[in-house]
Amino acid sequence: MNDSGHAVANALAYYGIEPDGLVVIHDELDLDFGQLRLKFAGGDNGHNGLKSIRRGLGSGDFFRVRFGIGRPPGRQAPADFVLTPFPASAREELALEVGRAADAVETLLMDGLDTAQNRFNS
């Protein structure tokens, strides 16, 4: 994810898709585990993957589905935290939340951003 901008730009060019036709689903430290926020455009908020995609596209004008993972415990480095597997105790809930995120993307694509935000932003 951290260096995906070139690949994303190439894929969009190959398929003739403009950046505003892209949906990026990404982890979000600033949201509690399982919270979702959908939005269009914006900055990268320090997220290296979003920085790379913005750089590759020359634009931040794409949809984002922010999936909350929460903050690292104690003094754990954020980079280490995001690369650590979810604990076994959270995997059942994770599966439910991933399904909910998939439903949010489907709603975004079928019914638009406003409807998806009203239904899934938590």
C-alpha atoms as a PDB file:
ATOM      1  CA  MET A   1       0.000   0.000   0.000  1.00  0.00           C
ATOM      2  CA  ASN A   2       2.732   2.477   0.904  1.00  0.00           C
ATOM      3  CA  ASP A   3       4.094   2.543  -2.653  1.00  0.00           C
ATOM      4  CA  SER A   4       0.962   1.767  -4.654  1.00  0.00           C
ATOM      5  CA  GLY A   5       0.539   5.105  -6.420  1.00  0.00           C
ATOM      6  CA  HIS A   6       2.363   4.149  -9.612  1.00  0.00           C
ATOM      7  CA  ALA A   7       0.423   0.878  -9.958  1.00  0.00           C
ATOM      8  CA  VAL A   8      -2.901   2.607  -9.252  1.00  0.00           C
ATOM      9  CA  ALA A   9      -2.149   5.341 -11.800  1.00  0.00           C
ATOM     10  CA  ASN A  10      -1.211   2.731 -14.418  1.00  0.00           C
ATOM     11  CA  ALA A  11      -4.370   0.707 -13.762  1.00  0.00           C
ATOM     12  CA  LEU A  12      -6.599   3.770 -14.084  1.00  0.00           C
ATOM     13  CA  ALA A  13      -4.842   4.827 -17.304  1.00  0.00           C
ATOM     14  CA  TYR A  14      -5.132   1.308 -18.757  1.00  0.00           C
ATOM     15  CA  TYR A  15      -8.878   1.154 -18.084  1.00  0.00           C
ATOM     16  CA  GLY A  16      -9.523   4.808 -18.954  1.00  0.00           C
ATOM     17  CA  ILE A  17     -10.779   5.670 -15.478  1.00  0.00           C
ATOM     18  CA  GLU A  18     -10.458   9.151 -14.033  1.00  0.00           C
ATOM     19  CA  PRO A  19      -9.372   9.546 -10.392  1.00  0.00           C
ATOM     20  CA  ASP A  20     -12.950  10.379  -9.375  1.00  0.00           C
ATOM     21  CA  GLY A  21     -13.888   6.817 -10.378  1.00  0.00           C
ATOM     22  CA  LEU A  22     -11.478   5.292  -7.842  1.00  0.00           C
ATOM     23  CA  VAL A  23     -12.419   3.954  -4.416  1.00  0.00           C
ATOM     24  CA  VAL A  24      -9.528   3.441  -1.978  1.00  0.00           C
ATOM     25  CA  ILE A  25     -10.206   1.436   1.169  1.00  0.00           C
ATOM     26  CA  HIS A  26      -7.582   2.028   3.840  1.00  0.00           C
ATOM     27  CA  ASP A  27      -6.800   1.631   7.504  1.00  0.00           C
ATOM     28  CA  GLU A  28      -7.312   4.644   9.727  1.00  0.00           C
ATOM     29  CA  LEU A  29      -5.552   5.112  13.064  1.00  0.00           C
ATOM     30  CA  ASP A  30      -7.740   8.084  13.981  1.00  0.00           C
ATOM     31  CA  LEU A  31     -10.923   5.991  14.062  1.00  0.00           C
ATOM     32  CA  ASP A  32     -11.758   3.344  16.636  1.00  0.00           C
ATOM     33  CA  PHE A  33     -11.671  -0.254  15.466  1.00  0.00           C
ATOM     34  CA  GLY A  34     -14.522  -0.958  13.067  1.00  0.00           C
ATOM     35  CA  GLN A  35     -15.654   2.622  12.570  1.00  0.00           C
ATOM     36  CA  LEU A  36     -16.157   3.621   8.948  1.00  0.00           C
ATOM     37  CA  ARG A  37     -16.010   7.011   7.263  1.00  0.00           C
ATOM     38  CA  LEU A  38     -16.634   7.524   3.579  1.00  0.00           C
ATOM     39  CA  LYS A  39     -15.595  10.684   1.815  1.00  0.00           C
ATOM     40  CA  PHE A  40     -14.530  12.150  -1.477  1.00  0.00           C
ATOM     41  CA  ALA A  41     -11.201  13.918  -1.934  1.00  0.00           C
ATOM     42  CA  GLY A  42      -8.965  15.366   0.723  1.00  0.00           C
ATOM     43  CA  GLY A  43      -5.435  15.124   1.995  1.00  0.00           C
ATOM     44  CA  ASP A  44      -3.433  12.119   3.071  1.00  0.00           C
ATOM     45  CA  ASN A  45      -3.477  12.739   6.854  1.00  0.00           C
ATOM     46  CA  GLY A  46       0.017  11.240   7.076  1.00  0.00           C
ATOM     47  CA  HIS A  47      -1.072   7.945   5.471  1.00  0.00           C
ATOM     48  CA  ASN A  48       1.812   6.795   3.273  1.00  0.00           C
ATOM     49  CA  GLY A  49      -0.413   4.812   0.915  1.00  0.00           C
ATOM     50  CA  LEU A  50      -2.642   7.807   0.282  1.00  0.00           C
ATOM     51  CA  LYS A  51       0.430  10.004  -0.236  1.00  0.00           C
ATOM     52  CA  SER A  52       1.687   7.580  -2.861  1.00  0.00           C
ATOM     53  CA  ILE A  53      -1.681   7.397  -4.638  1.00  0.00           C
ATOM     54  CA  ARG A  54      -2.082  11.186  -4.599  1.00  0.00           C
ATOM     55  CA  ARG A  55       1.439  11.550  -5.993  1.00  0.00           C
ATOM     56  CA  GLY A  56       0.833   8.888  -8.670  1.00  0.00           C
ATOM     57  CA  LEU A  57      -2.459  10.424  -9.796  1.00  0.00           C
ATOM     58  CA  GLY A  58      -1.465  14.046  -9.317  1.00  0.00           C
ATOM     59  CA  SER A  59      -4.780  14.424  -7.498  1.00  0.00           C
ATOM     60  CA  GLY A  60      -6.551  13.603  -4.270  1.00  0.00           C
ATOM     61  CA  ASP A  61      -9.937  13.587  -5.974  1.00  0.00           C
ATOM     62  CA  PHE A  62     -10.978  10.001  -5.336  1.00  0.00           C
ATOM     63  CA  PHE A  63     -13.304   8.240  -2.929  1.00  0.00           C
ATOM     64  CA  ARG A  64     -11.996   6.891   0.365  1.00  0.00           C
ATOM     65  CA  VAL A  65     -13.436   4.332   2.712  1.00  0.00           C
ATOM     66  CA  ARG A  66     -11.592   4.809   5.977  1.00  0.00           C
ATOM     67  CA  PHE A  67     -11.617   1.647   8.125  1.00  0.00           C
ATOM     68  CA  GLY A  68     -10.844   2.345  11.767  1.00  0.00           C
ATOM     69  CA  ILE A  69      -8.147   0.284  13.425  1.00  0.00           C
ATOM     70  CA  GLY A  70      -7.583   2.541  16.449  1.00  0.00           C
ATOM     71  CA  ARG A  71      -4.370   3.815  17.944  1.00  0.00           C
ATOM     72  CA  PRO A  72      -1.441   1.614  18.969  1.00  0.00           C
ATOM     73  CA  PRO A  73      -1.317   0.664  22.626  1.00  0.00           C
ATOM     74  CA  GLY A  74       1.230   2.357  24.846  1.00  0.00           C
ATOM     75  CA  ARG A  75       4.275   3.581  22.979  1.00  0.00           C
ATOM     76  CA  GLN A  76       4.114   1.107  20.100  1.00  0.00           C
ATOM     77  CA  ALA A  77       5.144   2.712  16.816  1.00  0.00           C
ATOM     78  CA  PRO A  78       2.218   3.196  14.435  1.00  0.00           C
ATOM     79  CA  ALA A  79       4.114   1.439  11.609  1.00  0.00           C
ATOM     80  CA  ASP A  80       4.608  -1.634  13.787  1.00  0.00           C
ATOM     81  CA  PHE A  81       0.976  -1.540  14.912  1.00  0.00           C
ATOM     82  CA  VAL A  82      -0.511  -1.498  11.399  1.00  0.00           C
ATOM     83  CA  LEU A  83       1.685  -4.442  10.359  1.00  0.00           C
ATOM     84  CA  THR A  84       0.780  -6.587  13.373  1.00  0.00           C
ATOM     85  CA  PRO A  85      -1.929  -9.212  12.733  1.00  0.00           C
ATOM     86  CA  PHE A  86      -5.214  -8.671  14.521  1.00  0.00           C
ATOM     87  CA  PRO A  87      -5.420 -10.696  17.741  1.00  0.00           C
ATOM     88  CA  ALA A  88      -7.388 -13.939  17.562  1.00  0.00           C
ATOM     89  CA  SER A  89      -9.958 -12.463  19.948  1.00  0.00           C
ATOM     90  CA  ALA A  90     -10.813  -9.735  17.403  1.00  0.00           C
ATOM     91  CA  ARG A  91     -10.965 -11.864  14.252  1.00  0.00           C
ATOM     92  CA  GLU A  92     -14.676 -12.704  14.462  1.00  0.00           C
ATOM     93  CA  GLU A  93     -15.577  -9.042  14.865  1.00  0.00           C
ATOM     94  CA  LEU A  94     -13.061  -8.163  12.129  1.00  0.00           C
ATOM     95  CA  ALA A  95     -14.850 -10.446   9.679  1.00  0.00           C
ATOM     96  CA  LEU A  96     -18.151  -8.702  10.442  1.00  0.00           C
ATOM     97  CA  GLU A  97     -16.618  -5.249  10.069  1.00  0.00           C
ATOM     98  CA  VAL A  98     -14.917  -6.136   6.775  1.00  0.00           C
ATOM     99  CA  GLY A  99     -18.313  -7.312   5.517  1.00  0.00           C
ATOM    100  CA  ARG A 100     -19.831  -4.022   6.612  1.00  0.00           C
ATOM    101  CA  ALA A 101     -17.071  -2.129   4.768  1.00  0.00           C
ATOM    102  CA  ALA A 102     -17.825  -4.157   1.637  1.00  0.00           C
ATOM    103  CA  ASP A 103     -21.504  -3.234   2.005  1.00  0.00           C
ATOM    104  CA  ALA A 104     -20.478   0.420   2.308  1.00  0.00           C
ATOM    105  CA  VAL A 105     -18.500   0.238  -0.943  1.00  0.00           C
ATOM    106  CA  GLU A 106     -21.436  -1.414  -2.708  1.00  0.00           C
ATOM    107  CA  THR A 107     -23.783   1.289  -1.423  1.00  0.00           C
ATOM    108  CA  LEU A 108     -21.338   3.995  -2.517  1.00  0.00           C
ATOM    109  CA  LEU A 109     -21.193   2.565  -6.035  1.00  0.00           C
ATOM    110  CA  MET A 110     -24.914   1.862  -6.384  1.00  0.00           C
ATOM    111  CA  ASP A 111     -26.552   4.718  -4.452  1.00  0.00           C
ATOM    112  CA  GLY A 112     -23.916   7.460  -4.182  1.00  0.00           C
ATOM    113  CA  LEU A 113     -21.824   9.060  -1.489  1.00  0.00           C
ATOM    114  CA  ASP A 114     -24.580  10.811   0.474  1.00  0.00           C
ATOM    115  CA  THR A 115     -26.571   7.618   0.951  1.00  0.00           C
ATOM    116  CA  ALA A 116     -23.452   5.623   1.859  1.00  0.00           C
ATOM    117  CA  GLN A 117     -22.323   8.257   4.353  1.00  0.00           C
ATOM    118  CA  ASN A 118     -25.748   8.418   5.987  1.00  0.00           C
ATOM    119  CA  ARG A 119     -25.874   4.645   6.295  1.00  0.00           C
ATOM    120  CA  PHE A 120     -22.294   3.778   7.274  1.00  0.00           C
ATOM    121  CA  ASN A 121     -20.403   6.752   8.699  1.00  0.00           C
ATOM    122  CA  SER A 122     -20.066   6.014  12.385  1.00  0.00           C
END
